[in-house]
Amino acid sequence: MAERILTQRELNRATLARQLLLRRERLSPVRAIERLAGLQAQLPSSPYLALWARLEGFERATLERALVQRRVVKALLMRATMHLVSARDLPFLDAAVRDARTLVRARGTQPPPDELVQRIVALARERPRTRTEIMDALGFHSRTQDVGEIRTYSWVIALGRLEQTPESAFYAFRGSPTYEPADHAHPPGDEATAYAIRRYLTAFGPATRADVSQWSGVPIRDLAAGFERLRLRTLRDEHGRQLLDLPRAPLPPSDTPAPPRLLPRWDELLLAHKDRTRVLPDEYRKTVIAKNGDVQQAFLVDGVVAGLWTRDGDRISLEPFAPLPRTTRRELEDEAARLRAWLG
């Protein structure tokens, strides 16, 4: 049987459905974060805005309560960046990306002696420690510019499996996060990789192997064993590229309505594919994603990025890339008003 070919618009609707962006769902923050394969948390407020855009009746306090109860954890994971993930997913995602993440942070330098790592872990087990305290314990100045010292610090954080404490993920958090040792056990590598791929396809599929690599930060060759453990269906995009997907994952019709949505900075939707044109037109990519990787606050119209939004106090400004139809503009302004009310 010939493989089904998905149009760009069908890919768009499939991704939006899995990202909970076709309609707001009634899910707990923990369940939603699992469905979304984690949320970017470089900025403390970003996961909250991401959930607001996707969940009906979402309140900040529910996520902060889940953080305090350790049902949601902030950790350095995919692409060596901060994410919120569920406590259930953390051991698998951590094991799947650990080697690639460590190589990115340490950039080829030699790991420090194990006794040094264990000494820092012991300090953090006594009580959570700030970056400054860890640097002091290593004998480094907290504001050092020495590349070797900075990478030694990165090695210690990675090898000691030190993670930020819950309050660092609170919406209004400001200041220096503190670190404590993670206590979860690592599952076997191939099992963890398969788990991460399954989570990814649930949240972002159908997708190519290169897409999974882009999202995870793990080279394609290191994902191979995980793919082999899974029973996946194959499809094609309009360019003939093979797409992989879970057997019963939803593929909504291309004419499924997609309401306007305001996305936070670093929304995972805009980072999780090597080819991002299913949601981000190429002509806008450099405007939305800077050379340093910074991702602006964008809004979706009919399922694709159509402009940026900014907040100044109680005011939300919409900056479309092209003129919008009057009805679309009104719907977008209604969404902005809804966000203003939630922020207030």
Protein backbone atom coordinates (compact mmCIF):
# COMPACT_ATOMS: atom_id res chain seq x y z
CA MET A 1 0.00 0.00 0.00
CA ALA A 2 1.36 3.42 -0.97
CA GLU A 3 2.27 5.72 1.89
CA ARG A 4 -0.17 8.54 2.53
CA ILE A 5 1.09 11.98 1.52
CA LEU A 6 0.26 14.76 3.94
CA THR A 7 -0.08 18.31 2.67
CA GLN A 8 1.56 21.18 4.52
CA ARG A 9 -1.82 22.22 5.88
CA GLU A 10 -2.59 18.68 7.10
CA LEU A 11 0.76 18.63 8.90
CA ASN A 12 -0.10 21.99 10.42
CA ARG A 13 -3.45 20.80 11.75
CA ALA A 14 -1.98 17.55 13.09
CA THR A 15 0.67 19.46 15.01
CA LEU A 16 -1.80 22.04 16.35
CA ALA A 17 -4.13 19.28 17.53
CA ARG A 18 -1.36 17.59 19.47
CA GLN A 19 -0.17 20.92 20.84
CA LEU A 20 -3.68 21.62 22.18
CA LEU A 21 -3.96 24.70 19.96
CA LEU A 22 -7.09 23.85 17.98
CA ARG A 23 -9.20 24.26 21.12
CA ARG A 24 -8.50 24.77 24.78
CA GLU A 25 -8.65 21.49 26.69
CA ARG A 26 -9.69 20.76 30.26
CA LEU A 27 -6.54 19.06 31.54
CA SER A 28 -4.44 19.38 34.67
CA PRO A 29 -1.09 21.15 34.16
CA VAL A 30 0.74 17.87 34.84
CA ARG A 31 -1.23 15.96 32.22
CA ALA A 32 -0.92 18.79 29.72
CA ILE A 33 2.85 19.03 30.19
CA GLU A 34 3.12 15.31 29.49
CA ARG A 35 0.96 15.64 26.37
CA LEU A 36 3.18 18.49 25.21
CA ALA A 37 6.47 16.62 25.90
CA GLY A 38 7.56 19.39 28.24
CA LEU A 39 7.55 23.18 28.07
CA GLN A 40 10.40 25.60 27.46
CA ALA A 41 11.24 27.34 30.74
CA GLN A 42 14.13 29.66 29.92
CA LEU A 43 11.89 32.48 31.14
CA PRO A 44 9.87 31.61 34.28
CA SER A 45 6.63 33.04 32.88
CA SER A 46 6.80 31.22 29.52
CA PRO A 47 5.33 27.84 30.63
CA TYR A 48 2.42 29.63 32.29
CA LEU A 49 1.57 31.56 29.12
CA ALA A 50 1.99 28.38 27.07
CA LEU A 51 -0.55 26.59 29.28
CA TRP A 52 -2.90 29.59 29.28
CA ALA A 53 -2.98 29.40 25.46
CA ARG A 54 -3.86 25.69 25.57
CA LEU A 55 -5.98 24.97 28.66
CA GLU A 56 -9.47 26.02 29.67
CA GLY A 57 -9.55 27.73 33.05
CA PHE A 58 -5.80 27.47 33.69
CA GLU A 59 -4.58 29.23 36.85
CA ARG A 60 -0.98 29.90 37.83
CA ALA A 61 -1.50 28.50 41.31
CA THR A 62 -2.28 25.03 39.98
CA LEU A 63 1.09 24.78 38.25
CA GLU A 64 2.96 26.23 41.22
CA ARG A 65 1.25 23.71 43.48
CA ALA A 66 2.35 20.87 41.18
CA LEU A 67 5.92 22.22 41.34
CA VAL A 68 5.93 22.36 45.14
CA GLN A 69 4.57 18.80 45.25
CA ARG A 70 7.36 17.75 42.82
CA ARG A 71 4.84 16.42 40.27
CA VAL A 72 6.39 18.89 37.80
CA VAL A 73 10.14 19.53 37.71
CA LYS A 74 12.34 22.18 36.12
CA ALA A 75 15.42 20.60 34.56
CA LEU A 76 18.10 21.10 31.93
CA LEU A 77 16.97 18.74 29.18
CA MET A 78 16.27 18.96 25.45
CA ARG A 79 18.82 21.01 23.48
CA ALA A 80 20.58 21.69 26.80
CA THR A 81 17.89 24.23 27.75
CA MET A 82 15.56 24.54 30.72
CA HIS A 83 12.21 22.73 30.53
CA LEU A 84 9.30 21.91 32.77
CA VAL A 85 8.44 18.20 32.59
CA SER A 86 6.42 15.83 34.73
CA ALA A 87 8.18 13.88 37.46
CA ARG A 88 7.12 10.70 35.67
CA ASP A 89 8.76 11.79 32.39
CA LEU A 90 11.92 13.25 33.91
CA PRO A 91 13.99 10.05 34.34
CA PHE A 92 13.33 8.97 30.73
CA LEU A 93 13.88 12.35 29.10
CA ASP A 94 16.95 12.99 31.23
CA ALA A 95 18.49 9.63 30.29
CA ALA A 96 17.64 10.10 26.60
CA VAL A 97 19.37 13.48 26.24
CA ARG A 98 21.98 13.30 28.98
CA ASP A 99 25.07 12.53 26.87
CA ALA A 100 24.21 15.07 24.14
CA ARG A 101 23.32 17.72 26.71
CA THR A 102 26.57 17.24 28.61
CA LEU A 103 28.63 17.51 25.43
CA VAL A 104 26.90 20.78 24.52
CA ARG A 105 27.45 22.32 27.94
CA ALA A 106 31.02 21.12 28.42
CA ARG A 107 32.04 21.37 24.73
CA GLY A 108 34.67 18.66 24.63
CA THR A 109 36.55 19.52 27.82
CA GLN A 110 37.59 16.71 30.14
CA PRO A 111 35.28 15.87 33.05
CA PRO A 112 36.47 16.86 36.54
CA PRO A 113 37.52 14.22 39.07
CA ASP A 114 34.63 12.26 40.55
CA GLU A 115 35.60 13.25 44.09
CA LEU A 116 35.13 16.93 43.16
CA VAL A 117 31.66 16.24 41.74
CA GLN A 118 30.68 14.23 44.82
CA ARG A 119 31.89 16.99 47.14
CA ILE A 120 29.60 19.50 45.43
CA VAL A 121 26.71 17.02 45.47
CA ALA A 122 27.22 16.53 49.22
CA LEU A 123 27.07 20.30 49.76
CA ALA A 124 23.87 20.57 47.74
CA ARG A 125 22.37 17.67 49.68
CA GLU A 126 22.93 19.53 52.95
CA ARG A 127 20.82 22.38 51.55
CA PRO A 128 20.16 23.77 48.04
CA ARG A 129 23.03 25.90 46.73
CA THR A 130 23.15 28.88 44.38
CA ARG A 131 25.45 29.07 41.38
CA THR A 132 27.63 31.49 43.32
CA GLU A 133 27.97 29.03 46.20
CA ILE A 134 28.83 26.19 43.84
CA MET A 135 31.41 28.32 42.03
CA ASP A 136 32.93 29.36 45.37
CA ALA A 137 33.13 25.69 46.43
CA LEU A 138 34.96 24.94 43.16
CA GLY A 139 37.41 27.75 43.91
CA PHE A 140 36.13 29.96 41.05
CA HIS A 141 34.88 33.52 41.08
CA SER A 142 31.12 33.58 40.50
CA ARG A 143 31.52 35.98 37.56
CA THR A 144 34.49 34.28 36.02
CA GLN A 145 34.98 34.63 32.28
CA ASP A 146 37.43 31.75 32.14
CA VAL A 147 36.04 29.23 29.64
CA GLY A 148 37.63 26.25 31.38
CA GLU A 149 36.13 27.18 34.75
CA ILE A 150 32.67 27.75 33.27
CA ARG A 151 32.78 24.36 31.55
CA THR A 152 33.99 22.65 34.72
CA TYR A 153 30.94 24.11 36.45
CA SER A 154 28.74 22.75 33.63
CA TRP A 155 30.32 19.31 34.03
CA VAL A 156 29.63 19.33 37.77
CA ILE A 157 25.98 20.31 37.27
CA ALA A 158 25.55 17.58 34.63
CA LEU A 159 27.47 14.77 36.34
CA GLY A 160 26.09 15.62 39.78
CA ARG A 161 22.59 15.75 38.30
CA LEU A 162 21.88 19.00 40.13
CA GLU A 163 18.45 20.46 39.38
CA GLN A 164 16.80 23.76 40.22
CA THR A 165 14.45 23.83 43.19
CA PRO A 166 10.71 24.40 42.61
CA GLU A 167 10.50 28.13 43.35
CA SER A 168 12.80 28.91 40.39
CA ALA A 169 9.90 27.89 38.14
CA PHE A 170 7.31 30.16 39.81
CA TYR A 171 5.71 32.72 37.53
CA ALA A 172 7.13 35.79 39.29
CA PHE A 173 10.52 34.28 40.20
CA ARG A 174 13.44 36.68 40.13
CA GLY A 175 16.95 36.15 41.38
CA SER A 176 19.42 33.30 41.47
CA PRO A 177 18.03 29.73 41.43
CA THR A 178 19.24 27.15 43.90
CA TYR A 179 20.27 23.59 43.01
CA GLU A 180 19.75 20.24 44.69
CA PRO A 181 20.60 16.65 43.64
CA ALA A 182 18.08 14.66 41.64
CA ASP A 183 17.22 11.33 43.18
CA HIS A 184 15.59 9.51 40.26
CA ALA A 185 17.20 6.43 38.72
CA HIS A 186 18.05 6.34 35.03
CA PRO A 187 16.24 3.74 32.91
CA PRO A 188 18.24 1.87 30.24
CA GLY A 189 19.37 4.09 27.35
CA ASP A 190 17.43 2.45 24.49
CA GLU A 191 14.26 2.31 26.57
CA ALA A 192 14.64 5.98 27.50
CA THR A 193 15.26 7.01 23.91
CA ALA A 194 12.17 5.14 22.70
CA TYR A 195 10.13 6.77 25.47
CA ALA A 196 11.35 10.25 24.44
CA ILE A 197 10.56 9.61 20.77
CA ARG A 198 7.06 8.42 21.66
CA ARG A 199 6.50 11.53 23.78
CA TYR A 200 7.77 13.70 20.94
CA LEU A 201 5.48 12.17 18.31
CA THR A 202 2.51 12.48 20.66
CA ALA A 203 3.24 16.21 20.94
CA PHE A 204 4.66 17.16 17.53
CA GLY A 205 4.15 14.38 14.98
CA PRO A 206 4.10 13.32 12.27
CA ALA A 207 7.79 14.14 11.92
CA THR A 208 11.09 13.14 10.35
CA ARG A 209 14.02 11.67 12.24
CA ALA A 210 15.75 15.02 11.74
CA ASP A 211 12.83 16.73 13.49
CA VAL A 212 13.22 14.46 16.53
CA SER A 213 16.94 15.21 16.56
CA GLN A 214 16.30 18.96 16.38
CA TRP A 215 13.87 18.84 19.32
CA SER A 216 15.97 16.59 21.53
CA GLY A 217 19.44 17.83 20.64
CA VAL A 218 20.48 14.18 20.19
CA PRO A 219 22.21 13.19 16.91
CA ILE A 220 20.11 11.01 14.59
CA ARG A 221 22.57 8.12 14.88
CA ASP A 222 22.07 8.04 18.65
CA LEU A 223 18.29 7.90 18.24
CA ALA A 224 18.39 4.84 15.96
CA ALA A 225 18.07 2.20 18.70
CA GLY A 226 15.07 4.01 20.13
CA PHE A 227 13.31 4.09 16.76
CA GLU A 228 13.93 0.36 16.36
CA ARG A 229 12.03 -0.38 19.58
CA LEU A 230 8.88 1.35 18.34
CA ARG A 231 6.16 0.25 15.98
CA LEU A 232 5.47 3.35 13.89
CA ARG A 233 3.47 4.16 10.80
CA THR A 234 5.16 5.89 7.88
CA LEU A 235 3.82 8.74 5.79
CA ARG A 236 5.30 11.26 3.34
CA ASP A 237 5.22 15.01 3.10
CA GLU A 238 4.78 16.93 -0.15
CA HIS A 239 8.56 16.89 -0.68
CA GLY A 240 8.69 13.10 -0.47
CA ARG A 241 10.36 13.02 2.94
CA GLN A 242 9.46 10.11 5.17
CA LEU A 243 7.41 11.01 8.22
CA LEU A 244 7.08 8.79 11.28
CA ASP A 245 4.08 8.71 13.56
CA LEU A 246 2.31 6.73 16.25
CA PRO A 247 -0.21 4.28 14.77
CA ARG A 248 -3.39 5.90 16.10
CA ALA A 249 -2.32 9.52 16.51
CA PRO A 250 -4.86 12.08 15.25
CA LEU A 251 -4.67 13.55 11.75
CA PRO A 252 -7.42 16.20 11.58
CA PRO A 253 -8.81 17.36 8.21
CA SER A 254 -6.99 20.27 6.61
CA ASP A 255 -10.09 22.48 6.90
CA THR A 256 -10.29 22.15 10.69
CA PRO A 257 -10.65 25.68 12.12
CA ALA A 258 -7.60 27.03 13.97
CA PRO A 259 -8.39 30.01 16.24
CA PRO A 260 -5.88 32.82 16.91
CA ARG A 261 -3.44 32.08 19.71
CA LEU A 262 -0.80 34.20 21.48
CA LEU A 263 2.38 32.23 22.23
CA PRO A 264 5.05 33.01 24.83
CA ARG A 265 8.75 33.49 24.21
CA TRP A 266 10.53 30.27 23.28
CA ASP A 267 7.27 28.40 22.73
CA GLU A 268 8.23 24.82 21.93
CA LEU A 269 5.94 24.80 18.89
CA LEU A 270 8.43 27.05 17.08
CA LEU A 271 11.52 25.04 18.05
CA ALA A 272 10.56 21.38 17.77
CA HIS A 273 11.07 20.72 14.03
CA LYS A 274 14.05 21.03 11.74
CA ASP A 275 11.65 22.16 9.01
CA ARG A 276 9.43 24.65 10.83
CA THR A 277 7.41 25.78 7.84
CA ARG A 278 4.37 23.82 8.99
CA VAL A 279 3.84 26.64 11.54
CA LEU A 280 6.46 29.30 10.78
CA PRO A 281 6.76 30.63 7.19
CA ASP A 282 10.38 30.94 6.06
CA GLU A 283 10.01 34.64 5.27
CA TYR A 284 9.31 35.37 8.96
CA ARG A 285 11.74 32.97 10.59
CA LYS A 286 14.59 35.45 11.08
CA THR A 287 12.17 37.99 12.53
CA VAL A 288 10.79 35.51 15.04
CA ILE A 289 13.98 33.58 15.87
CA ALA A 290 17.18 35.62 16.29
CA LYS A 291 20.69 34.41 15.44
CA ASN A 292 21.37 33.78 19.13
CA GLY A 293 18.33 31.50 19.31
CA ASP A 294 16.06 33.97 21.12
CA VAL A 295 12.42 33.40 20.15
CA GLN A 296 9.95 36.29 20.18
CA GLN A 297 6.36 36.31 21.42
CA ALA A 298 4.44 35.37 18.28
CA PHE A 299 0.77 34.91 17.49
CA LEU A 300 -0.93 32.38 15.23
CA VAL A 301 -3.58 33.15 12.65
CA ASP A 302 -5.16 30.18 10.89
CA GLY A 303 -2.52 28.00 12.50
CA VAL A 304 0.64 29.79 11.33
CA VAL A 305 2.77 32.60 12.74
CA ALA A 306 1.38 35.89 11.45
CA GLY A 307 2.97 38.48 13.74
CA LEU A 308 4.44 39.39 17.12
CA TRP A 309 2.91 40.68 20.31
CA THR A 310 4.34 42.69 23.19
CA ARG A 311 3.17 43.62 26.65
CA ASP A 312 3.69 47.01 28.29
CA GLY A 313 1.99 47.07 31.67
CA ASP A 314 -1.71 46.46 31.06
CA ARG A 315 -1.37 47.04 27.32
CA ILE A 316 -0.89 44.25 24.77
CA SER A 317 0.22 45.38 21.31
CA LEU A 318 -0.27 43.26 18.19
CA GLU A 319 2.17 43.64 15.31
CA PRO A 320 0.97 41.61 12.29
CA PHE A 321 3.43 40.96 9.48
CA ALA A 322 0.74 41.73 6.90
CA PRO A 323 -2.74 43.34 7.00
CA LEU A 324 -5.36 41.08 8.55
CA PRO A 325 -9.01 40.74 7.57
CA ARG A 326 -11.29 42.70 9.91
CA THR A 327 -12.91 39.59 11.39
CA THR A 328 -9.53 37.97 12.03
CA ARG A 329 -8.22 41.16 13.65
CA ARG A 330 -11.23 41.29 15.93
CA GLU A 331 -10.77 37.64 16.98
CA LEU A 332 -7.11 38.31 17.68
CA GLU A 333 -7.95 41.38 19.75
CA ASP A 334 -10.49 39.31 21.71
CA GLU A 335 -7.73 36.79 22.47
CA ALA A 336 -5.44 39.63 23.59
CA ALA A 337 -8.20 40.96 25.86
CA ARG A 338 -8.61 37.51 27.34
CA LEU A 339 -4.88 37.41 28.08
CA ARG A 340 -5.00 40.89 29.66
CA ALA A 341 -7.77 39.71 31.98
CA TRP A 342 -5.80 36.60 32.93
CA LEU A 343 -2.63 38.60 33.59
CA GLY A 344 -4.61 41.09 35.66
